[in-house]
C-alpha atoms as a PDB file:
ATOM      1  CA  MET A   1      -0.003  -0.049   0.045  1.00  0.00           C
ATOM      2  CA  THR A   2       1.098   3.496  -0.687  1.00  0.00           C
ATOM      3  CA  ARG A   3       1.441   6.282   1.816  1.00  0.00           C
ATOM      4  CA  THR A   4      -1.805   7.894   0.676  1.00  0.00           C
ATOM      5  CA  ARG A   5      -3.665   4.540   1.179  1.00  0.00           C
ATOM      6  CA  TRP A   6      -2.211   4.268   4.769  1.00  0.00           C
ATOM      7  CA  ILE A   7      -3.347   7.825   5.544  1.00  0.00           C
ATOM      8  CA  ALA A   8      -6.815   7.125   4.069  1.00  0.00           C
ATOM      9  CA  ALA A   9      -6.871   3.922   6.318  1.00  0.00           C
ATOM     10  CA  ALA A  10      -5.880   5.990   9.571  1.00  0.00           C
ATOM     11  CA  GLU A  11      -8.603   8.643   8.691  1.00  0.00           C
ATOM     12  CA  ALA A  12     -11.279   5.886   8.456  1.00  0.00           C
ATOM     13  CA  VAL A  13     -10.154   4.425  11.866  1.00  0.00           C
ATOM     14  CA  VAL A  14     -10.258   8.143  13.252  1.00  0.00           C
ATOM     15  CA  ALA A  15     -13.658   8.621  11.822  1.00  0.00           C
ATOM     16  CA  LEU A  16     -14.986   5.443  13.451  1.00  0.00           C
ATOM     17  CA  VAL A  17     -13.585   6.405  16.870  1.00  0.00           C
ATOM     18  CA  ALA A  18     -14.928   9.768  16.441  1.00  0.00           C
ATOM     19  CA  ILE A  19     -18.436   8.481  15.608  1.00  0.00           C
ATOM     20  CA  ALA A  20     -18.346   6.174  18.902  1.00  0.00           C
ATOM     21  CA  MET A  21     -17.202   8.965  21.029  1.00  0.00           C
ATOM     22  CA  SER A  22     -20.049  11.237  19.502  1.00  0.00           C
ATOM     23  CA  VAL A  23     -22.776   8.609  20.491  1.00  0.00           C
ATOM     24  CA  TRP A  24     -21.182   8.301  23.909  1.00  0.00           C
ATOM     25  CA  PHE A  25     -21.119  12.119  24.493  1.00  0.00           C
ATOM     26  CA  TRP A  26     -24.662  12.473  23.204  1.00  0.00           C
ATOM     27  CA  ASN A  27     -25.880   9.667  25.510  1.00  0.00           C
ATOM     28  CA  GLN A  28     -24.355  11.409  28.494  1.00  0.00           C
ATOM     29  CA  GLY A  29     -25.658  14.860  27.472  1.00  0.00           C
ATOM     30  CA  VAL A  30     -29.282  13.985  27.154  1.00  0.00           C
ATOM     31  CA  GLN A  31     -30.900  12.658  30.357  1.00  0.00           C
ATOM     32  CA  PRO A  32     -34.609  12.263  31.127  1.00  0.00           C
ATOM     33  CA  ALA A  33     -36.049  13.642  34.525  1.00  0.00           C
ATOM     34  CA  ARG A  34     -39.218  13.394  36.483  1.00  0.00           C
ATOM     35  CA  THR A  35     -40.399  16.300  38.504  1.00  0.00           C
ATOM     36  CA  PRO A  36     -42.293  15.391  41.626  1.00  0.00           C
ATOM     37  CA  VAL A  37     -46.157  15.693  41.678  1.00  0.00           C
ATOM     38  CA  LEU A  38     -47.146  19.446  42.045  1.00  0.00           C
ATOM     39  CA  VAL A  39     -50.885  19.135  42.059  1.00  0.00           C
ATOM     40  CA  GLU A  40     -52.448  16.274  43.876  1.00  0.00           C
ATOM     41  CA  GLY A  41     -54.015  13.977  41.217  1.00  0.00           C
ATOM     42  CA  GLN A  42     -51.978  15.024  38.424  1.00  0.00           C
ATOM     43  CA  PRO A  43     -49.197  12.631  37.068  1.00  0.00           C
ATOM     44  CA  PRO A  44     -45.325  13.744  37.467  1.00  0.00           C
ATOM     45  CA  ILE A  45     -43.993  15.672  34.580  1.00  0.00           C
ATOM     46  CA  GLU A  46     -41.204  14.134  32.297  1.00  0.00           C
ATOM     47  CA  VAL A  47     -38.722  16.369  31.068  1.00  0.00           C
ATOM     48  CA  THR A  48     -35.520  15.946  29.148  1.00  0.00           C
ATOM     49  CA  MET A  49     -32.511  17.784  30.416  1.00  0.00           C
ATOM     50  CA  TYR A  50     -29.570  18.648  27.945  1.00  0.00           C
ATOM     51  CA  ASP A  51     -26.030  19.443  29.013  1.00  0.00           C
ATOM     52  CA  GLY A  52     -24.812  21.832  26.411  1.00  0.00           C
ATOM     53  CA  ALA A  53     -21.126  21.123  26.589  1.00  0.00           C
ATOM     54  CA  ARG A  54     -21.620  17.228  25.832  1.00  0.00           C
ATOM     55  CA  VAL A  55     -24.129  17.845  23.196  1.00  0.00           C
ATOM     56  CA  THR A  56     -21.953  20.441  21.500  1.00  0.00           C
ATOM     57  CA  THR A  57     -18.969  18.012  21.750  1.00  0.00           C
ATOM     58  CA  SER A  58     -21.131  15.213  20.217  1.00  0.00           C
ATOM     59  CA  ILE A  59     -21.735  17.380  17.334  1.00  0.00           C
ATOM     60  CA  VAL A  60     -18.399  18.562  16.830  1.00  0.00           C
ATOM     61  CA  MET A  61     -17.059  14.912  16.905  1.00  0.00           C
ATOM     62  CA  MET A  62     -19.746  13.924  14.393  1.00  0.00           C
ATOM     63  CA  ALA A  63     -18.307  16.878  12.077  1.00  0.00           C
ATOM     64  CA  ALA A  64     -14.818  15.855  12.451  1.00  0.00           C
ATOM     65  CA  ALA A  65     -15.729  12.297  11.506  1.00  0.00           C
ATOM     66  CA  GLY A  66     -17.524  13.574   8.511  1.00  0.00           C
ATOM     67  CA  LEU A  67     -14.568  15.601   7.420  1.00  0.00           C
ATOM     68  CA  ALA A  68     -12.252  12.458   8.006  1.00  0.00           C
ATOM     69  CA  VAL A  69     -14.393  10.292   5.753  1.00  0.00           C
ATOM     70  CA  VAL A  70     -14.447  12.745   2.981  1.00  0.00           C
ATOM     71  CA  ASP A  71     -10.739  13.284   3.063  1.00  0.00           C
ATOM     72  CA  ALA A  72     -10.239   9.527   3.067  1.00  0.00           C
ATOM     73  CA  LEU A  73     -12.576   9.323   0.156  1.00  0.00           C
ATOM     74  CA  ARG A  74     -10.521  11.861  -1.459  1.00  0.00           C
ATOM     75  CA  ARG A  75      -7.131  10.311  -1.094  1.00  0.00           C
ATOM     76  CA  VAL A  76      -8.446   6.899  -2.220  1.00  0.00           C
ATOM     77  CA  LEU A  77     -10.394   8.147  -5.263  1.00  0.00           C
ATOM     78  CA  THR A  78      -7.983  10.913  -6.606  1.00  0.00           C
ATOM     79  CA  ARG A  79      -5.563   9.498  -9.285  1.00  0.00           C
ATOM     80  CA  ARG A  80      -2.175  11.007  -8.935  1.00  0.00           C
ATOM     81  CA  PRO A  81       0.398  10.694 -11.764  1.00  0.00           C
END
């Protein structure tokens, strides 16, 4: 394999790791919560709480994975003399 192919393979591995980390950060940043009963006879309110830093990190990691995939494809599909 040429140097370009090795770099493309490394970028593919980086993309897979970034996707896995992105999913982990997203799952850590989105948490369901239940409020106590405020009015007698009414069910508790279920809400979703978001941790902005973790959700943002997840989005950035997914964008980085996308860029790594695009660059890896460019390296593989581009013909150089």
